[in-house]
C-alpha atoms as a PDB file:
ATOM      1  CA  MET A   1      19.511  -9.810  12.109  1.00  0.00           C
ATOM      2  CA  LYS A   2      18.913  -7.799   8.960  1.00  0.00           C
ATOM      3  CA  ARG A   3      16.406  -5.150   8.944  1.00  0.00           C
ATOM      4  CA  GLU A   4      14.641  -4.353   5.602  1.00  0.00           C
ATOM      5  CA  ARG A   5      15.960  -0.735   4.254  1.00  0.00           C
ATOM      6  CA  VAL A   6      13.242   1.822   3.720  1.00  0.00           C
ATOM      7  CA  GLU A   7      14.319   4.681   1.402  1.00  0.00           C
ATOM      8  CA  GLN A   8      10.897   6.594   1.139  1.00  0.00           C
ATOM      9  CA  LYS A   9      10.115   8.468   4.054  1.00  0.00           C
ATOM     10  CA  SER A  10       6.641   9.027   3.861  1.00  0.00           C
ATOM     11  CA  PHE A  11       4.048   6.698   1.782  1.00  0.00           C
ATOM     12  CA  VAL A  12       0.599   7.554   0.609  1.00  0.00           C
ATOM     13  CA  ASP A  13      -2.118   5.584   2.251  1.00  0.00           C
ATOM     14  CA  PRO A  14      -3.855   3.837  -0.680  1.00  0.00           C
ATOM     15  CA  VAL A  15      -7.452   3.884   0.847  1.00  0.00           C
ATOM     16  CA  CYS A  16      -7.729   7.455   2.213  1.00  0.00           C
ATOM     17  CA  GLY A  17      -4.959   9.173   0.571  1.00  0.00           C
ATOM     18  CA  MET A  18      -2.977  10.394   3.409  1.00  0.00           C
ATOM     19  CA  GLN A  19       0.532  10.880   4.053  1.00  0.00           C
ATOM     20  CA  VAL A  20       1.934   7.891   6.446  1.00  0.00           C
ATOM     21  CA  SER A  21       5.385   7.403   7.631  1.00  0.00           C
ATOM     22  CA  TYR A  22       6.457   3.866   7.777  1.00  0.00           C
ATOM     23  CA  LYS A  23       7.800   4.461  11.245  1.00  0.00           C
ATOM     24  CA  THR A  24       4.410   5.508  12.635  1.00  0.00           C
ATOM     25  CA  ALA A  25       2.272   3.689  10.462  1.00  0.00           C
ATOM     26  CA  ALA A  26      -0.586   2.042  12.230  1.00  0.00           C
ATOM     27  CA  ALA A  27      -0.803  -0.758  10.046  1.00  0.00           C
ATOM     28  CA  GLU A  28       0.973  -2.714   6.771  1.00  0.00           C
ATOM     29  CA  SER A  29       0.067  -5.259   4.242  1.00  0.00           C
ATOM     30  CA  ASP A  30       1.841  -6.717   1.271  1.00  0.00           C
ATOM     31  CA  TYR A  31       0.002  -7.379  -2.214  1.00  0.00           C
ATOM     32  CA  HIS A  32       1.749  -8.373  -5.207  1.00  0.00           C
ATOM     33  CA  GLY A  33       4.931  -8.063  -3.837  1.00  0.00           C
ATOM     34  CA  LYS A  34       4.572  -4.588  -2.874  1.00  0.00           C
ATOM     35  CA  HIS A  35       4.180  -3.417   0.813  1.00  0.00           C
ATOM     36  CA  TYR A  36       1.635  -0.915   1.648  1.00  0.00           C
ATOM     37  CA  TYR A  37       1.044   1.603   4.860  1.00  0.00           C
ATOM     38  CA  PHE A  38      -2.074   2.829   6.453  1.00  0.00           C
ATOM     39  CA  CYS A  39      -2.947   5.423   8.782  1.00  0.00           C
ATOM     40  CA  ALA A  40      -5.373   3.123  10.844  1.00  0.00           C
ATOM     41  CA  THR A  41      -6.213  -0.385  10.779  1.00  0.00           C
ATOM     42  CA  ALA A  42      -9.769   0.180   9.302  1.00  0.00           C
ATOM     43  CA  CYS A  43      -8.008   1.689   6.128  1.00  0.00           C
ATOM     44  CA  ARG A  44      -5.904  -1.639   6.054  1.00  0.00           C
ATOM     45  CA  GLU A  45      -8.855  -4.160   6.684  1.00  0.00           C
ATOM     46  CA  GLN A  46     -10.434  -2.240   3.687  1.00  0.00           C
ATOM     47  CA  PHE A  47      -7.579  -2.539   1.242  1.00  0.00           C
ATOM     48  CA  ASP A  48      -7.282  -5.971   2.555  1.00  0.00           C
ATOM     49  CA  ALA A  49     -10.892  -6.801   1.631  1.00  0.00           C
ATOM     50  CA  ASP A  50     -10.444  -5.619  -2.092  1.00  0.00           C
ATOM     51  CA  PRO A  51      -6.906  -4.504  -3.064  1.00  0.00           C
ATOM     52  CA  ALA A  52      -7.278  -4.719  -6.619  1.00  0.00           C
ATOM     53  CA  ARG A  53      -9.889  -1.416  -5.852  1.00  0.00           C
ATOM     54  CA  TYR A  54      -7.019   0.527  -4.380  1.00  0.00           C
ATOM     55  CA  VAL A  55      -4.045  -0.256  -6.469  1.00  0.00           C
ATOM     56  CA  ARG A  56      -3.292   1.013  -9.906  1.00  0.00           C
ATOM     57  CA  THR A  57      -3.803  -1.050 -13.056  1.00  0.00           C
ATOM     58  CA  HIS A  58      -1.468  -0.874 -15.324  1.00  0.00           C
ATOM     59  CA  ARG A  59      -1.979  -0.796 -19.434  1.00  0.00           C
ATOM     60  CA  GLN A  60       0.435  -2.629 -21.731  1.00  0.00           C
ATOM     61  CA  HIS A  61       0.029  -2.611 -25.435  1.00  0.00           C
ATOM     62  CA  GLY A  62      -4.051  -1.919 -24.706  1.00  0.00           C
ATOM     63  CA  SER A  63      -4.918  -4.622 -22.036  1.00  0.00           C
ATOM     64  CA  ARG A  64      -5.531  -3.869 -18.571  1.00  0.00           C
ATOM     65  CA  ARG A  65      -3.685  -5.971 -15.978  1.00  0.00           C
ATOM     66  CA  GLY A  66      -5.420  -6.679 -12.534  1.00  0.00           C
END
């Protein structure tokens, strides 16, 4: 069985801003094809309720993607 390769050793919890290791993350979630790691299940629950609130919007030619 293939394992997903994670090159980055730590990530920022998008809800609270805490540094989280993918190995010790309490929870994980996917949004628009990107994987997010969380320090606690409560942070993941907040994220899952309104992910757009925690994900940066990108500007291209003056328009916002959301």
